[in-house]
Amino acid sequence: MKFSVVPLLFGATSAVASRLYAASYAGTVTTLSLSQSSKGHYELETVAQSTDCGTNPSWLMLDHDNRVLYCLDEAVDLANGTLTSFAIRPNGTLSKVVQLE
């Protein structure tokens, strides 16, 4: 009886999750969670969103080891863009560290 229960429990709890970051010309940087259930279904969920990068965030670079996300704002209709660094908190929210013009 133990052998029939164990595979059922493992099958019900297996999941794979990944953290994704997306920049949008709408002015947002979004933290997303992509997860896959044991049955092969995928779910994409918004974890957090920030408007601290600038008006037109376009390029992101992740420093995974130091938990830092760099964001380039092209500032399409402005004189200068910015480069912003964010600390990535364990819950996925982004906390602005510094912004350079």
PDB file of N, CA and C in Angstrom:
ATOM      1  N   MET A   1       0.811  -1.196   0.000  1.00  0.00           N
ATOM      2  CA  MET A   1       0.000   0.000   0.000  1.00  0.00           C
ATOM      3  C   MET A   1       0.858   1.265   0.000  1.00  0.00           C
ATOM      4  N   LYS A   2       1.983   1.288   0.657  1.00  0.00           N
ATOM      5  CA  LYS A   2       2.856   2.455   0.658  1.00  0.00           C
ATOM      6  C   LYS A   2       3.350   2.782  -0.750  1.00  0.00           C
ATOM      7  N   PHE A   3       3.602   1.772  -1.563  1.00  0.00           N
ATOM      8  CA  PHE A   3       4.120   2.006  -2.907  1.00  0.00           C
ATOM      9  C   PHE A   3       3.098   2.694  -3.818  1.00  0.00           C
ATOM     10  N   SER A   4       1.833   2.448  -3.608  1.00  0.00           N
ATOM     11  CA  SER A   4       0.833   3.087  -4.461  1.00  0.00           C
ATOM     12  C   SER A   4       0.568   4.534  -4.047  1.00  0.00           C
ATOM     13  N   VAL A   5       0.790   4.890  -2.796  1.00  0.00           N
ATOM     14  CA  VAL A   5       0.545   6.247  -2.314  1.00  0.00           C
ATOM     15  C   VAL A   5       1.701   7.185  -2.678  1.00  0.00           C
ATOM     16  N   VAL A   6       2.948   6.742  -2.569  1.00  0.00           N
ATOM     17  CA  VAL A   6       4.112   7.599  -2.807  1.00  0.00           C
ATOM     18  C   VAL A   6       4.134   8.186  -4.213  1.00  0.00           C
ATOM     19  N   PRO A   7       3.968   7.399  -5.277  1.00  0.00           N
ATOM     20  CA  PRO A   7       3.964   8.017  -6.613  1.00  0.00           C
ATOM     21  C   PRO A   7       2.841   9.033  -6.790  1.00  0.00           C
ATOM     22  N   LEU A   8       1.709   8.804  -6.188  1.00  0.00           N
ATOM     23  CA  LEU A   8       0.593   9.721  -6.288  1.00  0.00           C
ATOM     24  C   LEU A   8       0.937  11.055  -5.615  1.00  0.00           C
ATOM     25  N   LEU A   9       1.580  11.031  -4.468  1.00  0.00           N
ATOM     26  CA  LEU A   9       1.972  12.256  -3.772  1.00  0.00           C
ATOM     27  C   LEU A   9       3.023  13.025  -4.558  1.00  0.00           C
ATOM     28  N   PHE A  10       4.023  12.351  -5.102  1.00  0.00           N
ATOM     29  CA  PHE A  10       5.044  13.028  -5.891  1.00  0.00           C
ATOM     30  C   PHE A  10       4.438  13.665  -7.132  1.00  0.00           C
ATOM     31  N   GLY A  11       3.534  12.974  -7.785  1.00  0.00           N
ATOM     32  CA  GLY A  11       2.893  13.504  -8.990  1.00  0.00           C
ATOM     33  C   GLY A  11       2.055  14.738  -8.705  1.00  0.00           C
ATOM     34  N   ALA A  12       1.455  14.800  -7.553  1.00  0.00           N
ATOM     35  CA  ALA A  12       0.577  15.915  -7.220  1.00  0.00           C
ATOM     36  C   ALA A  12       1.360  17.161  -6.818  1.00  0.00           C
ATOM     37  N   THR A  13       2.594  17.013  -6.340  1.00  0.00           N
ATOM     38  CA  THR A  13       3.313  18.171  -5.817  1.00  0.00           C
ATOM     39  C   THR A  13       4.461  18.636  -6.708  1.00  0.00           C
ATOM     40  N   SER A  14       4.769  17.936  -7.777  1.00  0.00           N
ATOM     41  CA  SER A  14       5.878  18.327  -8.637  1.00  0.00           C
ATOM     42  C   SER A  14       5.532  19.580  -9.429  1.00  0.00           C
ATOM     43  N   ALA A  15       6.460  20.549  -9.431  1.00  0.00           N
ATOM     44  CA  ALA A  15       6.265  21.770 -10.208  1.00  0.00           C
ATOM     45  C   ALA A  15       7.616  22.396 -10.482  1.00  0.00           C
ATOM     46  N   VAL A  16       7.697  23.116 -11.594  1.00  0.00           N
ATOM     47  CA  VAL A  16       8.900  23.833 -11.966  1.00  0.00           C
ATOM     48  C   VAL A  16       8.509  25.296 -12.121  1.00  0.00           C
ATOM     49  N   ALA A  17       9.318  26.214 -11.552  1.00  0.00           N
ATOM     50  CA  ALA A  17       8.999  27.643 -11.650  1.00  0.00           C
ATOM     51  C   ALA A  17      10.235  28.415 -12.069  1.00  0.00           C
ATOM     52  N   SER A  18      10.020  29.479 -12.832  1.00  0.00           N
ATOM     53  CA  SER A  18      11.095  30.363 -13.268  1.00  0.00           C
ATOM     54  C   SER A  18      10.660  31.804 -13.085  1.00  0.00           C
ATOM     55  N   ARG A  19      11.622  32.659 -12.786  1.00  0.00           N
ATOM     56  CA  ARG A  19      11.352  34.085 -12.647  1.00  0.00           C
ATOM     57  C   ARG A  19      11.773  34.779 -13.926  1.00  0.00           C
ATOM     58  N   LEU A  20      10.897  35.619 -14.478  1.00  0.00           N
ATOM     59  CA  LEU A  20      11.154  36.355 -15.713  1.00  0.00           C
ATOM     60  C   LEU A  20      10.988  37.847 -15.447  1.00  0.00           C
ATOM     61  N   TYR A  21      11.707  38.661 -16.228  1.00  0.00           N
ATOM     62  CA  TYR A  21      11.600  40.116 -16.111  1.00  0.00           C
ATOM     63  C   TYR A  21      11.302  40.676 -17.491  1.00  0.00           C
ATOM     64  N   ALA A  22      10.373  41.627 -17.559  1.00  0.00           N
ATOM     65  CA  ALA A  22       9.980  42.208 -18.842  1.00  0.00           C
ATOM     66  C   ALA A  22       9.928  43.726 -18.728  1.00  0.00           C
ATOM     67  N   ALA A  23      10.500  44.413 -19.742  1.00  0.00           N
ATOM     68  CA  ALA A  23      10.441  45.868 -19.823  1.00  0.00           C
ATOM     69  C   ALA A  23       9.427  46.250 -20.884  1.00  0.00           C
ATOM     70  N   SER A  24       8.737  47.361 -20.672  1.00  0.00           N
ATOM     71  CA  SER A  24       7.708  47.809 -21.611  1.00  0.00           C
ATOM     72  C   SER A  24       7.841  49.306 -21.849  1.00  0.00           C
ATOM     73  N   TYR A  25       7.657  49.709 -23.103  1.00  0.00           N
ATOM     74  CA  TYR A  25       7.644  51.135 -23.427  1.00  0.00           C
ATOM     75  C   TYR A  25       6.493  51.860 -22.730  1.00  0.00           C
ATOM     76  N   ALA A  26       5.605  51.135 -22.124  1.00  0.00           N
ATOM     77  CA  ALA A  26       4.519  51.741 -21.356  1.00  0.00           C
ATOM     78  C   ALA A  26       5.040  52.293 -20.028  1.00  0.00           C
ATOM     79  N   GLY A  27       6.330  52.061 -19.726  1.00  0.00           N
ATOM     80  CA  GLY A  27       6.934  52.623 -18.522  1.00  0.00           C
ATOM     81  C   GLY A  27       7.049  51.659 -17.356  1.00  0.00           C
ATOM     82  N   THR A  28       6.881  50.378 -17.599  1.00  0.00           N
ATOM     83  CA  THR A  28       6.914  49.416 -16.501  1.00  0.00           C
ATOM     84  C   THR A  28       8.000  48.357 -16.693  1.00  0.00           C
ATOM     85  N   VAL A  29       8.496  47.879 -15.564  1.00  0.00           N
ATOM     86  CA  VAL A  29       9.333  46.685 -15.514  1.00  0.00           C
ATOM     87  C   VAL A  29       8.557  45.702 -14.652  1.00  0.00           C
ATOM     88  N   THR A  30       8.296  44.532 -15.201  1.00  0.00           N
ATOM     89  CA  THR A  30       7.426  43.564 -14.546  1.00  0.00           C
ATOM     90  C   THR A  30       8.193  42.297 -14.190  1.00  0.00           C
ATOM     91  N   THR A  31       7.994  41.818 -12.973  1.00  0.00           N
ATOM     92  CA  THR A  31       8.519  40.534 -12.528  1.00  0.00           C
ATOM     93  C   THR A  31       7.411  39.510 -12.726  1.00  0.00           C
ATOM     94  N   LEU A  32       7.735  38.426 -13.435  1.00  0.00           N
ATOM     95  CA  LEU A  32       6.766  37.381 -13.738  1.00  0.00           C
ATOM     96  C   LEU A  32       7.243  36.043 -13.198  1.00  0.00           C
ATOM     97  N   SER A  33       6.316  35.201 -12.882  1.00  0.00           N
ATOM     98  CA  SER A  33       6.618  33.834 -12.466  1.00  0.00           C
ATOM     99  C   SER A  33       6.001  32.885 -13.480  1.00  0.00           C
ATOM    100  N   LEU A  34       6.840  32.050 -14.088  1.00  0.00           N
ATOM    101  CA  LEU A  34       6.371  31.028 -15.026  1.00  0.00           C
ATOM    102  C   LEU A  34       6.492  29.686 -14.322  1.00  0.00           C
ATOM    103  N   SER A  35       5.383  29.008 -14.193  1.00  0.00           N
ATOM    104  CA  SER A  35       5.401  27.713 -13.518  1.00  0.00           C
ATOM    105  C   SER A  35       4.755  26.648 -14.394  1.00  0.00           C
ATOM    106  N   GLN A  36       5.225  25.424 -14.200  1.00  0.00           N
ATOM    107  CA  GLN A  36       4.695  24.275 -14.929  1.00  0.00           C
ATOM    108  C   GLN A  36       4.276  23.234 -13.910  1.00  0.00           C
ATOM    109  N   SER A  37       3.075  22.755 -14.046  1.00  0.00           N
ATOM    110  CA  SER A  37       2.596  21.711 -13.145  1.00  0.00           C
ATOM    111  C   SER A  37       3.107  20.363 -13.617  1.00  0.00           C
ATOM    112  N   SER A  38       2.884  19.364 -12.818  1.00  0.00           N
ATOM    113  CA  SER A  38       3.309  18.011 -13.171  1.00  0.00           C
ATOM    114  C   SER A  38       2.545  17.482 -14.390  1.00  0.00           C
ATOM    115  N   LYS A  39       1.419  18.093 -14.704  1.00  0.00           N
ATOM    116  CA  LYS A  39       0.617  17.660 -15.853  1.00  0.00           C
ATOM    117  C   LYS A  39       1.004  18.403 -17.130  1.00  0.00           C
ATOM    118  N   GLY A  40       2.014  19.271 -17.076  1.00  0.00           N
ATOM    119  CA  GLY A  40       2.493  19.959 -18.260  1.00  0.00           C
ATOM    120  C   GLY A  40       1.824  21.278 -18.565  1.00  0.00           C
ATOM    121  N   HIS A  41       0.922  21.738 -17.724  1.00  0.00           N
ATOM    122  CA  HIS A  41       0.271  23.027 -17.934  1.00  0.00           C
ATOM    123  C   HIS A  41       1.190  24.147 -17.459  1.00  0.00           C
ATOM    124  N   TYR A  42       1.154  25.277 -18.156  1.00  0.00           N
ATOM    125  CA  TYR A  42       1.973  26.429 -17.787  1.00  0.00           C
ATOM    126  C   TYR A  42       1.098  27.567 -17.300  1.00  0.00           C
ATOM    127  N   GLU A  43       1.651  28.347 -16.367  1.00  0.00           N
ATOM    128  CA  GLU A  43       0.948  29.515 -15.865  1.00  0.00           C
ATOM    129  C   GLU A  43       1.932  30.658 -15.735  1.00  0.00           C
ATOM    130  N   LEU A  44       1.583  31.830 -16.275  1.00  0.00           N
ATOM    131  CA  LEU A  44       2.397  33.027 -16.186  1.00  0.00           C
ATOM    132  C   LEU A  44       1.659  34.009 -15.289  1.00  0.00           C
ATOM    133  N   GLU A  45       2.320  34.418 -14.203  1.00  0.00           N
ATOM    134  CA  GLU A  45       1.677  35.262 -13.208  1.00  0.00           C
ATOM    135  C   GLU A  45       2.533  36.496 -12.938  1.00  0.00           C
ATOM    136  N   THR A  46       1.910  37.660 -12.866  1.00  0.00           N
ATOM    137  CA  THR A  46       2.611  38.885 -12.488  1.00  0.00           C
ATOM    138  C   THR A  46       2.867  38.858 -10.994  1.00  0.00           C
ATOM    139  N   VAL A  47       4.148  38.993 -10.616  1.00  0.00           N
ATOM    140  CA  VAL A  47       4.536  38.996  -9.206  1.00  0.00           C
ATOM    141  C   VAL A  47       4.638  40.422  -8.692  1.00  0.00           C
ATOM    142  N   ALA A  48       5.256  41.313  -9.494  1.00  0.00           N
ATOM    143  CA  ALA A  48       5.457  42.706  -9.080  1.00  0.00           C
ATOM    144  C   ALA A  48       5.658  43.569 -10.311  1.00  0.00           C
ATOM    145  N   GLN A  49       5.483  44.876 -10.127  1.00  0.00           N
ATOM    146  CA  GLN A  49       5.667  45.817 -11.228  1.00  0.00           C
ATOM    147  C   GLN A  49       6.265  47.104 -10.675  1.00  0.00           C
ATOM    148  N   SER A  50       7.180  47.711 -11.459  1.00  0.00           N
ATOM    149  CA  SER A  50       7.824  48.958 -11.048  1.00  0.00           C
ATOM    150  C   SER A  50       7.781  49.963 -12.193  1.00  0.00           C
ATOM    151  N   THR A  51       7.627  51.234 -11.847  1.00  0.00           N
ATOM    152  CA  THR A  51       7.698  52.319 -12.820  1.00  0.00           C
ATOM    153  C   THR A  51       8.933  53.180 -12.574  1.00  0.00           C
ATOM    154  N   ASP A  52       9.875  52.687 -11.776  1.00  0.00           N
ATOM    155  CA  ASP A  52      11.051  53.461 -11.377  1.00  0.00           C
ATOM    156  C   ASP A  52      12.181  53.484 -12.399  1.00  0.00           C
ATOM    157  N   CYS A  53      12.075  52.769 -13.507  1.00  0.00           N
ATOM    158  CA  CYS A  53      13.154  52.750 -14.494  1.00  0.00           C
ATOM    159  C   CYS A  53      13.152  54.005 -15.347  1.00  0.00           C
ATOM    160  N   GLY A  54      11.983  54.505 -15.702  1.00  0.00           N
ATOM    161  CA  GLY A  54      11.869  55.683 -16.548  1.00  0.00           C
ATOM    162  C   GLY A  54      10.660  55.576 -17.452  1.00  0.00           C
ATOM    163  N   THR A  55      10.604  56.461 -18.461  1.00  0.00           N
ATOM    164  CA  THR A  55       9.423  56.520 -19.315  1.00  0.00           C
ATOM    165  C   THR A  55       9.373  55.425 -20.378  1.00  0.00           C
ATOM    166  N   ASN A  56      10.549  54.962 -20.846  1.00  0.00           N
ATOM    167  CA  ASN A  56      10.591  53.949 -21.905  1.00  0.00           C
ATOM    168  C   ASN A  56      11.628  52.866 -21.622  1.00  0.00           C
ATOM    169  N   PRO A  57      11.415  52.041 -20.600  1.00  0.00           N
ATOM    170  CA  PRO A  57      12.358  50.960 -20.321  1.00  0.00           C
ATOM    171  C   PRO A  57      12.438  50.010 -21.513  1.00  0.00           C
ATOM    172  N   SER A  58      13.677  49.639 -21.882  1.00  0.00           N
ATOM    173  CA  SER A  58      13.779  48.789 -23.061  1.00  0.00           C
ATOM    174  C   SER A  58      14.722  47.610 -22.899  1.00  0.00           C
ATOM    175  N   TRP A  59      15.812  47.780 -22.210  1.00  0.00           N
ATOM    176  CA  TRP A  59      16.821  46.725 -22.132  1.00  0.00           C
ATOM    177  C   TRP A  59      17.048  46.372 -20.677  1.00  0.00           C
ATOM    178  N   LEU A  60      17.027  45.069 -20.376  1.00  0.00           N
ATOM    179  CA  LEU A  60      17.266  44.589 -19.016  1.00  0.00           C
ATOM    180  C   LEU A  60      18.472  43.665 -19.016  1.00  0.00           C
ATOM    181  N   MET A  61      19.247  43.736 -17.932  1.00  0.00           N
ATOM    182  CA  MET A  61      20.360  42.806 -17.751  1.00  0.00           C
ATOM    183  C   MET A  61      20.330  42.335 -16.305  1.00  0.00           C
ATOM    184  N   LEU A  62      20.369  41.030 -16.132  1.00  0.00           N
ATOM    185  CA  LEU A  62      20.279  40.418 -14.813  1.00  0.00           C
ATOM    186  C   LEU A  62      21.646  39.986 -14.328  1.00  0.00           C
ATOM    187  N   ASP A  63      22.011  40.440 -13.125  1.00  0.00           N
ATOM    188  CA  ASP A  63      23.190  39.942 -12.413  1.00  0.00           C
ATOM    189  C   ASP A  63      22.645  38.992 -11.344  1.00  0.00           C
ATOM    190  N   HIS A  64      22.469  37.736 -11.740  1.00  0.00           N
ATOM    191  CA  HIS A  64      21.812  36.748 -10.881  1.00  0.00           C
ATOM    192  C   HIS A  64      22.557  36.545  -9.566  1.00  0.00           C
ATOM    193  N   ASP A  65      23.883  36.448  -9.616  1.00  0.00           N
ATOM    194  CA  ASP A  65      24.678  36.177  -8.415  1.00  0.00           C
ATOM    195  C   ASP A  65      24.519  37.256  -7.347  1.00  0.00           C
ATOM    196  N   ASN A  66      24.379  38.518  -7.774  1.00  0.00           N
ATOM    197  CA  ASN A  66      24.263  39.632  -6.824  1.00  0.00           C
ATOM    198  C   ASN A  66      22.823  40.116  -6.642  1.00  0.00           C
ATOM    199  N   ARG A  67      21.882  39.433  -7.300  1.00  0.00           N
ATOM    200  CA  ARG A  67      20.459  39.764  -7.209  1.00  0.00           C
ATOM    201  C   ARG A  67      20.202  41.222  -7.569  1.00  0.00           C
ATOM    202  N   VAL A  68      20.783  41.634  -8.727  1.00  0.00           N
ATOM    203  CA  VAL A  68      20.615  42.998  -9.227  1.00  0.00           C
ATOM    204  C   VAL A  68      20.086  42.934 -10.658  1.00  0.00           C
ATOM    205  N   LEU A  69      19.123  43.799 -10.972  1.00  0.00           N
ATOM    206  CA  LEU A  69      18.588  43.934 -12.320  1.00  0.00           C
ATOM    207  C   LEU A  69      18.905  45.344 -12.805  1.00  0.00           C
ATOM    208  N   TYR A  70      19.541  45.443 -13.979  1.00  0.00           N
ATOM    209  CA  TYR A  70      19.856  46.739 -14.577  1.00  0.00           C
ATOM    210  C   TYR A  70      18.839  47.022 -15.664  1.00  0.00           C
ATOM    211  N   CYS A  71      18.377  48.261 -15.716  1.00  0.00           N
ATOM    212  CA  CYS A  71      17.345  48.652 -16.675  1.00  0.00           C
ATOM    213  C   CYS A  71      17.783  49.905 -17.428  1.00  0.00           C
ATOM    214  N   LEU A  72      17.755  49.842 -18.755  1.00  0.00           N
ATOM    215  CA  LEU A  72      18.057  50.989 -19.598  1.00  0.00           C
ATOM    216  C   LEU A  72      16.751  51.616 -20.053  1.00  0.00           C
ATOM    217  N   ASP A  73      16.621  52.918 -19.797  1.00  0.00           N
ATOM    218  CA  ASP A  73      15.459  53.673 -20.254  1.00  0.00           C
ATOM    219  C   ASP A  73      15.897  54.507 -21.448  1.00  0.00           C
ATOM    220  N   GLU A  74      15.283  54.284 -22.612  1.00  0.00           N
ATOM    221  CA  GLU A  74      15.644  55.018 -23.824  1.00  0.00           C
ATOM    222  C   GLU A  74      15.142  56.457 -23.820  1.00  0.00           C
ATOM    223  N   ALA A  75      14.136  56.767 -23.024  1.00  0.00           N
ATOM    224  CA  ALA A  75      13.589  58.123 -22.925  1.00  0.00           C
ATOM    225  C   ALA A  75      13.382  58.721 -24.313  1.00  0.00           C
ATOM    226  N   VAL A  76      12.567  58.075 -25.108  1.00  0.00           N
ATOM    227  CA  VAL A  76      12.388  58.392 -26.527  1.00  0.00           C
ATOM    228  C   VAL A  76      12.132  59.877 -26.797  1.00  0.00           C
ATOM    229  N   ASP A  77      11.263  60.520 -26.072  1.00  0.00           N
ATOM    230  CA  ASP A  77      10.926  61.926 -26.322  1.00  0.00           C
ATOM    231  C   ASP A  77      11.656  62.901 -25.403  1.00  0.00           C
ATOM    232  N   LEU A  78      12.668  62.428 -24.692  1.00  0.00           N
ATOM    233  CA  LEU A  78      13.421  63.282 -23.771  1.00  0.00           C
ATOM    234  C   LEU A  78      14.863  63.424 -24.246  1.00  0.00           C
ATOM    235  N   ALA A  79      15.582  64.363 -23.663  1.00  0.00           N
ATOM    236  CA  ALA A  79      16.964  64.622 -24.082  1.00  0.00           C
ATOM    237  C   ALA A  79      17.908  63.482 -23.707  1.00  0.00           C
ATOM    238  N   ASN A  80      17.725  62.886 -22.542  1.00  0.00           N
ATOM    239  CA  ASN A  80      18.637  61.838 -22.058  1.00  0.00           C
ATOM    240  C   ASN A  80      17.883  60.657 -21.471  1.00  0.00           C
ATOM    241  N   GLY A  81      18.451  59.477 -21.647  1.00  0.00           N
ATOM    242  CA  GLY A  81      17.918  58.270 -21.034  1.00  0.00           C
ATOM    243  C   GLY A  81      18.569  58.045 -19.685  1.00  0.00           C
ATOM    244  N   THR A  82      18.233  56.932 -19.060  1.00  0.00           N
ATOM    245  CA  THR A  82      18.803  56.603 -17.756  1.00  0.00           C
ATOM    246  C   THR A  82      19.175  55.130 -17.686  1.00  0.00           C
ATOM    247  N   LEU A  83      20.045  54.832 -16.753  1.00  0.00           N
ATOM    248  CA  LEU A  83      20.382  53.461 -16.398  1.00  0.00           C
ATOM    249  C   LEU A  83      20.069  53.316 -14.917  1.00  0.00           C
ATOM    250  N   THR A  84      19.222  52.365 -14.593  1.00  0.00           N
ATOM    251  CA  THR A  84      18.774  52.167 -13.213  1.00  0.00           C
ATOM    252  C   THR A  84      19.141  50.773 -12.749  1.00  0.00           C
ATOM    253  N   SER A  85      19.628  50.681 -11.519  1.00  0.00           N
ATOM    254  CA  SER A  85      19.876  49.368 -10.921  1.00  0.00           C
ATOM    255  C   SER A  85      18.815  49.119  -9.855  1.00  0.00           C
ATOM    256  N   PHE A  86      18.355  47.867  -9.819  1.00  0.00           N
ATOM    257  CA  PHE A  86      17.350  47.445  -8.849  1.00  0.00           C
ATOM    258  C   PHE A  86      17.879  46.271  -8.041  1.00  0.00           C
ATOM    259  N   ALA A  87      17.653  46.294  -6.744  1.00  0.00           N
ATOM    260  CA  ALA A  87      17.885  45.120  -5.908  1.00  0.00           C
ATOM    261  C   ALA A  87      16.643  44.244  -6.041  1.00  0.00           C
ATOM    262  N   ILE A  88      16.866  42.954  -6.238  1.00  0.00           N
ATOM    263  CA  ILE A  88      15.746  42.020  -6.377  1.00  0.00           C
ATOM    264  C   ILE A  88      15.483  41.390  -5.015  1.00  0.00           C
ATOM    265  N   ARG A  89      14.333  41.640  -4.482  1.00  0.00           N
ATOM    266  CA  ARG A  89      13.962  41.082  -3.179  1.00  0.00           C
ATOM    267  C   ARG A  89      13.486  39.642  -3.360  1.00  0.00           C
ATOM    268  N   PRO A  90      13.552  38.835  -2.312  1.00  0.00           N
ATOM    269  CA  PRO A  90      13.144  37.421  -2.422  1.00  0.00           C
ATOM    270  C   PRO A  90      11.713  37.214  -2.929  1.00  0.00           C
ATOM    271  N   ASN A  91      10.814  38.170  -2.662  1.00  0.00           N
ATOM    272  CA  ASN A  91       9.429  38.027  -3.116  1.00  0.00           C
ATOM    273  C   ASN A  91       9.230  38.497  -4.558  1.00  0.00           C
ATOM    274  N   GLY A  92      10.318  38.977  -5.219  1.00  0.00           N
ATOM    275  CA  GLY A  92      10.236  39.386  -6.616  1.00  0.00           C
ATOM    276  C   GLY A  92      10.077  40.875  -6.841  1.00  0.00           C
ATOM    277  N   THR A  93       9.818  41.637  -5.785  1.00  0.00           N
ATOM    278  CA  THR A  93       9.707  43.081  -5.965  1.00  0.00           C
ATOM    279  C   THR A  93      11.083  43.678  -6.235  1.00  0.00           C
ATOM    280  N   LEU A  94      11.080  44.825  -6.918  1.00  0.00           N
ATOM    281  CA  LEU A  94      12.315  45.510  -7.281  1.00  0.00           C
ATOM    282  C   LEU A  94      12.441  46.793  -6.467  1.00  0.00           C
ATOM    283  N   SER A  95      13.615  46.994  -5.895  1.00  0.00           N
ATOM    284  CA  SER A  95      13.879  48.180  -5.101  1.00  0.00           C
ATOM    285  C   SER A  95      14.992  48.990  -5.772  1.00  0.00           C
ATOM    286  N   LYS A  96      14.694  50.228  -6.184  1.00  0.00           N
ATOM    287  CA  LYS A  96      15.672  51.043  -6.898  1.00  0.00           C
ATOM    288  C   LYS A  96      16.880  51.334  -6.009  1.00  0.00           C
ATOM    289  N   VAL A  97      18.073  51.061  -6.562  1.00  0.00           N
ATOM    290  CA  VAL A  97      19.318  51.336  -5.839  1.00  0.00           C
ATOM    291  C   VAL A  97      19.869  52.685  -6.270  1.00  0.00           C
ATOM    292  N   VAL A  98      20.110  52.831  -7.583  1.00  0.00           N
ATOM    293  CA  VAL A  98      20.646  54.097  -8.100  1.00  0.00           C
ATOM    294  C   VAL A  98      20.188  54.265  -9.553  1.00  0.00           C
ATOM    295  N   GLN A  99      20.054  55.531  -9.954  1.00  0.00           N
ATOM    296  CA  GLN A  99      19.668  55.851 -11.329  1.00  0.00           C
ATOM    297  C   GLN A  99      20.620  56.912 -11.862  1.00  0.00           C
ATOM    298  N   LEU A 100      21.231  56.619 -13.011  1.00  0.00           N
ATOM    299  CA  LEU A 100      22.174  57.535 -13.634  1.00  0.00           C
ATOM    300  C   LEU A 100      21.623  58.025 -14.960  1.00  0.00           C
ATOM    301  N   GLU A 101      21.794  59.323 -15.230  1.00  0.00           N
ATOM    302  CA  GLU A 101      21.345  59.875 -16.505  1.00  0.00           C
ATOM    303  C   GLU A 101      22.393  59.652 -17.557  1.00  0.00           C
TER     304      GLU A 101
END
